[in-house]
Amino acid sequence: PPLSEYQKFLFDKIIELRNSGLGYRRISYWLNENGYKTARGHEFKGTHVFSILKRERQREERINRPYELTYGEWTIQNV
């Protein structure tokens, strides 16, 4: 399923903080101090941050995976 607006915002913010050199735990502290909650309304922990990044990476891999079209054997029958 597609990301909600809030999930997309959180992902973008986490990427921004990660690129500035913060680790997962410090990102979770920053998000909690600034009043952000997880998509289900809980406080952030380092594992939440890691999971958000991991799921987005998996989603991108799934979307960008090349599709290989295969054909099975075909037969024609007279009815």
Protein backbone atom coordinates (compact mmCIF):
# COMPACT_ATOMS: atom_id res chain seq x y z
CA PRO A 1 0.00 0.00 0.00
CA PRO A 2 1.16 3.55 -0.61
CA LEU A 3 2.54 5.65 2.24
CA SER A 4 0.30 8.15 3.96
CA GLU A 5 1.30 11.81 3.91
CA TYR A 6 2.53 11.56 7.51
CA GLN A 7 4.56 8.42 6.81
CA LYS A 8 6.15 10.08 3.78
CA PHE A 9 6.96 13.16 5.89
CA LEU A 10 8.55 10.98 8.59
CA PHE A 11 10.60 9.08 6.03
CA ASP A 12 11.87 12.30 4.43
CA LYS A 13 12.72 13.79 7.86
CA ILE A 14 14.56 10.62 8.90
CA ILE A 15 16.56 10.63 5.66
CA GLU A 16 17.43 14.30 6.23
CA LEU A 17 18.60 13.59 9.80
CA ARG A 18 20.48 10.45 8.76
CA ASN A 19 22.31 12.39 6.03
CA SER A 20 23.32 14.98 8.62
CA GLY A 21 25.19 12.23 10.49
CA LEU A 22 22.78 11.18 13.23
CA GLY A 23 22.34 7.53 14.19
CA TYR A 24 19.05 5.71 14.69
CA ARG A 25 18.85 6.34 18.43
CA ARG A 26 19.65 10.04 18.13
CA ILE A 27 17.11 10.41 15.35
CA SER A 28 14.48 8.81 17.60
CA TYR A 29 15.42 11.21 20.44
CA TRP A 30 15.13 14.17 18.06
CA LEU A 31 11.72 13.05 16.77
CA ASN A 32 10.41 12.53 20.32
CA GLU A 33 11.75 15.89 21.54
CA ASN A 34 10.03 17.64 18.66
CA GLY A 35 6.66 16.02 19.34
CA TYR A 36 6.52 13.48 16.53
CA LYS A 37 4.90 10.10 17.09
CA THR A 38 4.99 6.87 15.10
CA ALA A 39 2.19 6.23 12.63
CA ARG A 40 0.39 4.33 15.41
CA GLY A 41 0.85 7.11 17.97
CA HIS A 42 3.76 5.76 20.03
CA GLU A 43 7.10 7.31 20.94
CA PHE A 44 9.98 6.58 18.62
CA LYS A 45 12.78 4.16 19.43
CA GLY A 46 15.87 3.45 17.38
CA THR A 47 14.31 0.26 16.05
CA HIS A 48 11.34 2.22 14.69
CA VAL A 49 13.67 4.49 12.73
CA PHE A 50 15.62 1.51 11.37
CA SER A 51 12.39 -0.26 10.41
CA ILE A 52 11.04 2.77 8.52
CA LEU A 53 14.23 2.99 6.45
CA LYS A 54 14.32 -0.76 5.88
CA ARG A 55 10.70 -0.96 4.72
CA GLU A 56 11.16 1.91 2.28
CA ARG A 57 14.30 0.27 0.85
CA GLN A 58 12.38 -3.00 0.40
CA ARG A 59 9.48 -1.14 -1.23
CA GLU A 60 11.84 0.55 -3.69
CA GLU A 61 13.54 -2.75 -4.54
CA ARG A 62 10.17 -4.40 -5.15
CA ILE A 63 8.97 -1.55 -7.37
CA ASN A 64 12.20 -1.30 -9.39
CA ARG A 65 12.76 -5.04 -9.80
CA PRO A 66 12.81 -6.01 -13.47
CA TYR A 67 9.88 -8.17 -14.49
CA GLU A 68 10.73 -11.27 -16.48
CA LEU A 69 7.93 -12.43 -18.71
CA THR A 70 7.81 -16.20 -19.19
CA TYR A 71 5.62 -18.28 -21.45
CA GLY A 72 4.46 -21.80 -20.81
CA GLU A 73 3.75 -24.45 -23.42
CA TRP A 74 0.83 -23.71 -25.70
CA THR A 75 -1.49 -26.24 -27.27
CA ILE A 76 -4.39 -25.89 -29.66
CA GLN A 77 -7.28 -28.33 -29.40
CA ASN A 78 -10.08 -28.93 -31.89
CA VAL A 79 -13.42 -28.85 -30.15
